Every structure is written in structure tokens, then in C-alpha cells.
C-alpha atoms as a PDB file:
ATOM      1  CA  UNK A   1    -154.916-144.855  73.796  1.00  0.00           C
ATOM      2  CA  UNK A   2    -155.201-147.036  76.900  1.00  0.00           C
ATOM      3  CA  UNK A   3    -156.942-144.214  78.777  1.00  0.00           C
ATOM      4  CA  UNK A   4    -159.474-143.875  75.934  1.00  0.00           C
ATOM      5  CA  UNK A   5    -160.196-147.621  76.006  1.00  0.00           C
ATOM      6  CA  UNK A   6    -160.635-147.649  79.787  1.00  0.00           C
ATOM      7  CA  UNK A   7    -162.965-144.642  79.626  1.00  0.00           C
ATOM      8  CA  UNK A   8    -165.039-146.237  76.843  1.00  0.00           C
ATOM      9  CA  UNK A   9    -165.327-149.536  78.741  1.00  0.00           C
ATOM     10  CA  UNK A  10    -166.376-147.671  81.890  1.00  0.00           C
ATOM     11  CA  UNK A  11    -168.994-145.725  79.928  1.00  0.00           C
ATOM     12  CA  UNK A  12    -170.282-148.927  78.308  1.00  0.00           C
ATOM     13  CA  UNK A  13    -170.570-150.656  81.689  1.00  0.00           C
ATOM     14  CA  UNK A  14    -172.318-147.638  83.221  1.00  0.00           C
ATOM     15  CA  UNK A  15    -174.756-147.418  80.300  1.00  0.00           C
ATOM     16  CA  UNK A  16    -175.430-151.168  80.535  1.00  0.00           C
ATOM     17  CA  UNK A  17    -176.328-150.864  84.221  1.00  0.00           C
ATOM     18  CA  UNK A  18    -178.653-147.925  83.518  1.00  0.00           C
ATOM     19  CA  UNK A  19    -180.313-149.892  80.686  1.00  0.00           C
ATOM     20  CA  UNK A  20    -180.712-152.886  82.989  1.00  0.00           C
ATOM     21  CA  UNK A  21    -182.179-150.868  85.898  1.00  0.00           C
ATOM     22  CA  UNK A  22    -184.468-148.456  84.059  1.00  0.00           C
ATOM     23  CA  UNK A  23    -187.359-149.357  81.761  1.00  0.00           C
ATOM     24  CA  UNK A  24    -187.149-145.915  80.135  1.00  0.00           C
ATOM     25  CA  UNK A  25    -183.652-146.491  78.728  1.00  0.00           C
ATOM     26  CA  UNK A  26    -183.662-149.095  75.988  1.00  0.00           C
ATOM     27  CA  UNK A  27    -181.101-150.804  73.792  1.00  0.00           C
ATOM     28  CA  UNK A  28    -182.385-153.243  71.207  1.00  0.00           C
ATOM     29  CA  UNK A  29    -180.843-155.457  68.598  1.00  0.00           C
ATOM     30  CA  UNK A  30    -181.297-158.708  66.695  1.00  0.00           C
ATOM     31  CA  UNK A  31    -178.751-160.614  68.784  1.00  0.00           C
ATOM     32  CA  UNK A  32    -176.312-160.221  71.641  1.00  0.00           C
ATOM     33  CA  UNK A  33    -173.392-159.339  69.385  1.00  0.00           C
ATOM     34  CA  UNK A  34    -175.357-156.520  67.762  1.00  0.00           C
ATOM     35  CA  UNK A  35    -176.418-155.240  71.198  1.00  0.00           C
ATOM     36  CA  UNK A  36    -172.816-155.219  72.436  1.00  0.00           C
ATOM     37  CA  UNK A  37    -171.649-153.388  69.320  1.00  0.00           C
ATOM     38  CA  UNK A  38    -174.465-150.846  69.712  1.00  0.00           C
ATOM     39  CA  UNK A  39    -173.589-150.405  73.396  1.00  0.00           C
ATOM     40  CA  UNK A  40    -169.929-149.731  72.568  1.00  0.00           C
ATOM     41  CA  UNK A  41    -170.874-147.258  69.822  1.00  0.00           C
ATOM     42  CA  UNK A  42    -173.283-145.480  72.181  1.00  0.00           C
ATOM     43  CA  UNK A  43    -170.526-145.390  74.827  1.00  0.00           C
ATOM     44  CA  UNK A  44    -168.253-143.738  72.254  1.00  0.00           C
ATOM     45  CA  UNK A  45    -170.937-141.162  71.438  1.00  0.00           C
ATOM     46  CA  UNK A  46    -171.538-140.576  75.154  1.00  0.00           C
ATOM     47  CA  UNK A  47    -167.811-140.072  75.724  1.00  0.00           C
ATOM     48  CA  UNK A  48    -167.610-137.670  72.798  1.00  0.00           C
ATOM     49  CA  UNK A  49    -170.611-135.679  74.063  1.00  0.00           C
ATOM     50  CA  UNK A  50    -169.073-135.490  77.531  1.00  0.00           C
ATOM     51  CA  UNK A  51    -165.718-134.444  76.092  1.00  0.00           C
ATOM     52  CA  UNK A  52    -166.932-131.813  73.627  1.00  0.00           C
ATOM     53  CA  UNK A  53    -170.293-130.490  74.798  1.00  0.00           C
ATOM     54  CA  UNK A  54    -170.342-130.913  78.581  1.00  0.00           C
ATOM     55  CA  UNK A  55    -167.472-128.480  79.338  1.00  0.00           C
ATOM     56  CA  UNK A  56    -169.182-125.739  77.320  1.00  0.00           C
ATOM     57  CA  UNK A  57    -172.496-126.340  79.080  1.00  0.00           C
ATOM     58  CA  UNK A  58    -170.762-126.354  82.478  1.00  0.00           C
ATOM     59  CA  UNK A  59    -169.090-123.005  81.798  1.00  0.00           C
ATOM     60  CA  UNK A  60    -172.337-121.464  80.591  1.00  0.00           C
ATOM     61  CA  UNK A  61    -174.244-122.827  83.591  1.00  0.00           C
ATOM     62  CA  UNK A  62    -171.641-121.813  86.185  1.00  0.00           C
ATOM     63  CA  UNK A  63    -173.884-119.165  87.806  1.00  0.00           C
ATOM     64  CA  UNK A  64    -176.613-121.802  88.160  1.00  0.00           C
ATOM     65  CA  UNK A  65    -174.031-124.199  89.598  1.00  0.00           C
ATOM     66  CA  UNK A  66    -173.279-121.676  92.343  1.00  0.00           C
ATOM     67  CA  UNK A  67    -176.931-120.813  92.882  1.00  0.00           C
ATOM     68  CA  UNK A  68    -178.041-124.453  93.205  1.00  0.00           C
ATOM     69  CA  UNK A  69    -174.920-125.591  95.100  1.00  0.00           C
ATOM     70  CA  UNK A  70    -174.076-128.036  92.340  1.00  0.00           C
ATOM     71  CA  UNK A  71    -177.483-129.636  91.849  1.00  0.00           C
ATOM     72  CA  UNK A  72    -177.585-128.289  88.297  1.00  0.00           C
ATOM     73  CA  UNK A  73    -175.055-131.044  87.564  1.00  0.00           C
ATOM     74  CA  UNK A  74    -177.954-133.526  87.651  1.00  0.00           C
ATOM     75  CA  UNK A  75    -179.697-131.541  84.908  1.00  0.00           C
ATOM     76  CA  UNK A  76    -176.491-131.233  82.858  1.00  0.00           C
ATOM     77  CA  UNK A  77    -175.882-134.997  83.094  1.00  0.00           C
ATOM     78  CA  UNK A  78    -179.492-135.672  82.076  1.00  0.00           C
ATOM     79  CA  UNK A  79    -179.152-133.349  79.081  1.00  0.00           C
ATOM     80  CA  UNK A  80    -175.932-135.098  78.008  1.00  0.00           C
ATOM     81  CA  UNK A  81    -177.726-138.461  78.165  1.00  0.00           C
ATOM     82  CA  UNK A  82    -180.671-137.092  76.158  1.00  0.00           C
ATOM     83  CA  UNK A  83    -178.251-135.644  73.586  1.00  0.00           C
ATOM     84  CA  UNK A  84    -176.531-139.040  73.361  1.00  0.00           C
ATOM     85  CA  UNK A  85    -179.921-140.674  72.787  1.00  0.00           C
ATOM     86  CA  UNK A  86    -180.748-138.172  70.035  1.00  0.00           C
ATOM     87  CA  UNK A  87    -177.361-138.611  68.334  1.00  0.00           C
ATOM     88  CA  UNK A  88    -177.672-142.405  68.574  1.00  0.00           C
ATOM     89  CA  UNK A  89    -181.040-142.129  66.851  1.00  0.00           C
ATOM     90  CA  UNK A  90    -179.498-140.012  64.082  1.00  0.00           C
ATOM     91  CA  UNK A  91    -176.759-142.655  63.690  1.00  0.00           C
ATOM     92  CA  UNK A  92    -179.465-145.353  63.439  1.00  0.00           C
ATOM     93  CA  UNK A  93    -178.396-147.011  66.704  1.00  0.00           C
ATOM     94  CA  UNK A  94    -181.094-148.741  68.750  1.00  0.00           C
ATOM     95  CA  UNK A  95    -180.621-146.724  71.964  1.00  0.00           C
ATOM     96  CA  UNK A  96    -183.326-144.497  73.406  1.00  0.00           C
ATOM     97  CA  UNK A  97    -183.996-142.541  76.600  1.00  0.00           C
ATOM     98  CA  UNK A  98    -187.670-141.839  77.379  1.00  0.00           C
ATOM     99  CA  UNK A  99    -187.939-138.376  78.837  1.00  0.00           C
ATOM    100  CA  UNK A 100    -186.162-135.972  81.109  1.00  0.00           C
ATOM    101  CA  UNK A 101    -186.787-137.656  84.481  1.00  0.00           C
ATOM    102  CA  UNK A 102    -185.598-141.005  83.175  1.00  0.00           C
ATOM    103  CA  UNK A 103    -182.479-139.200  81.961  1.00  0.00           C
ATOM    104  CA  UNK A 104    -181.955-137.635  85.409  1.00  0.00           C
ATOM    105  CA  UNK A 105    -182.110-141.020  87.155  1.00  0.00           C
ATOM    106  CA  UNK A 106    -180.042-142.595  84.373  1.00  0.00           C
ATOM    107  CA  UNK A 107    -177.447-139.830  84.725  1.00  0.00           C
ATOM    108  CA  UNK A 108    -177.140-140.527  88.449  1.00  0.00           C
ATOM    109  CA  UNK A 109    -176.766-144.267  87.838  1.00  0.00           C
ATOM    110  CA  UNK A 110    -174.205-143.709  85.072  1.00  0.00           C
ATOM    111  CA  UNK A 111    -172.207-141.298  87.251  1.00  0.00           C
ATOM    112  CA  UNK A 112    -172.056-143.747  90.169  1.00  0.00           C
ATOM    113  CA  UNK A 113    -171.190-146.782  88.040  1.00  0.00           C
ATOM    114  CA  UNK A 114    -168.669-144.804  85.984  1.00  0.00           C
ATOM    115  CA  UNK A 115    -166.950-143.608  89.146  1.00  0.00           C
ATOM    116  CA  UNK A 116    -166.802-147.186  90.492  1.00  0.00           C
ATOM    117  CA  UNK A 117    -165.488-148.519  87.168  1.00  0.00           C
ATOM    118  CA  UNK A 118    -162.704-145.930  87.093  1.00  0.00           C
ATOM    119  CA  UNK A 119    -161.622-147.120  90.532  1.00  0.00           C
ATOM    120  CA  UNK A 120    -161.675-150.801  89.501  1.00  0.00           C
ATOM    121  CA  UNK A 121    -160.233-150.569  85.973  1.00  0.00           C
ATOM    122  CA  UNK A 122    -156.474-150.086  85.729  1.00  0.00           C
ATOM    123  CA  UNK A 123    -155.450-146.715  84.378  1.00  0.00           C
ATOM    124  CA  UNK A 124    -152.076-145.193  85.200  1.00  0.00           C
ATOM    125  CA  UNK A 125    -152.947-141.764  83.732  1.00  0.00           C
END
């Protein structure tokens, strides 16, 4: 349970940084509390997408991973962010990613911030 909470907080922080840095990734709401709740729900969706969908996509794209020396990971991360945006829209959450290239840059930002958050946040697992 603690690992899940740490992972969700790291995802929320990483998404918040991407939203702050990129004009093409938006999170809207009536007030700060609603924005925080939306951010946490989007972080949960993002974690679920990365847990369920990303491994399947990575296995299917393994030949491309070898061919591109791992650069396909940028595309996979972008697709996971776009899928999160689409699912958030279906769940009526005010989170949106404008286009593929915004998702690529957002994926890089989220990966870096997520990595840093996992170093900083305590997690014994």
C-alpha cells in the first residue's frame, strides 16, 4: 500500500511539473482543491496505464527497441501520456495533452521528475 501511495505521489508531482512547463498539457478546475483532486486522479490513471498497457506495448515493440537502440521508449512514453489524456477525457477529468510532440516532451519531463521523486521519496520496497 505504501509503495502504491509513493508511486502515485511521484506520478502526480511529475505530471504537475509537465503541466507547469508545457503549454500543451493542461489541467483546469474551478479551484485549487478541484485541481489537486483532478491531478491525483490523473496520476492514478497514468499509473494504471503504465502498469497494465505499457508492458504489453514494450513487448510488442521489442524489435523496434533493438533497432532504435531504445529511442522507441520516447514514443511509447508519449503514447502512454496520450492514452492517459484520452482516458481522463472519458472520465470527465479536466486534463488534456495537445498532440504527439507535446506528449514526447511531456513524457521526457515526467520520466526525469518521476525518477528524481523515487530517489527522494522514502520507499523500502
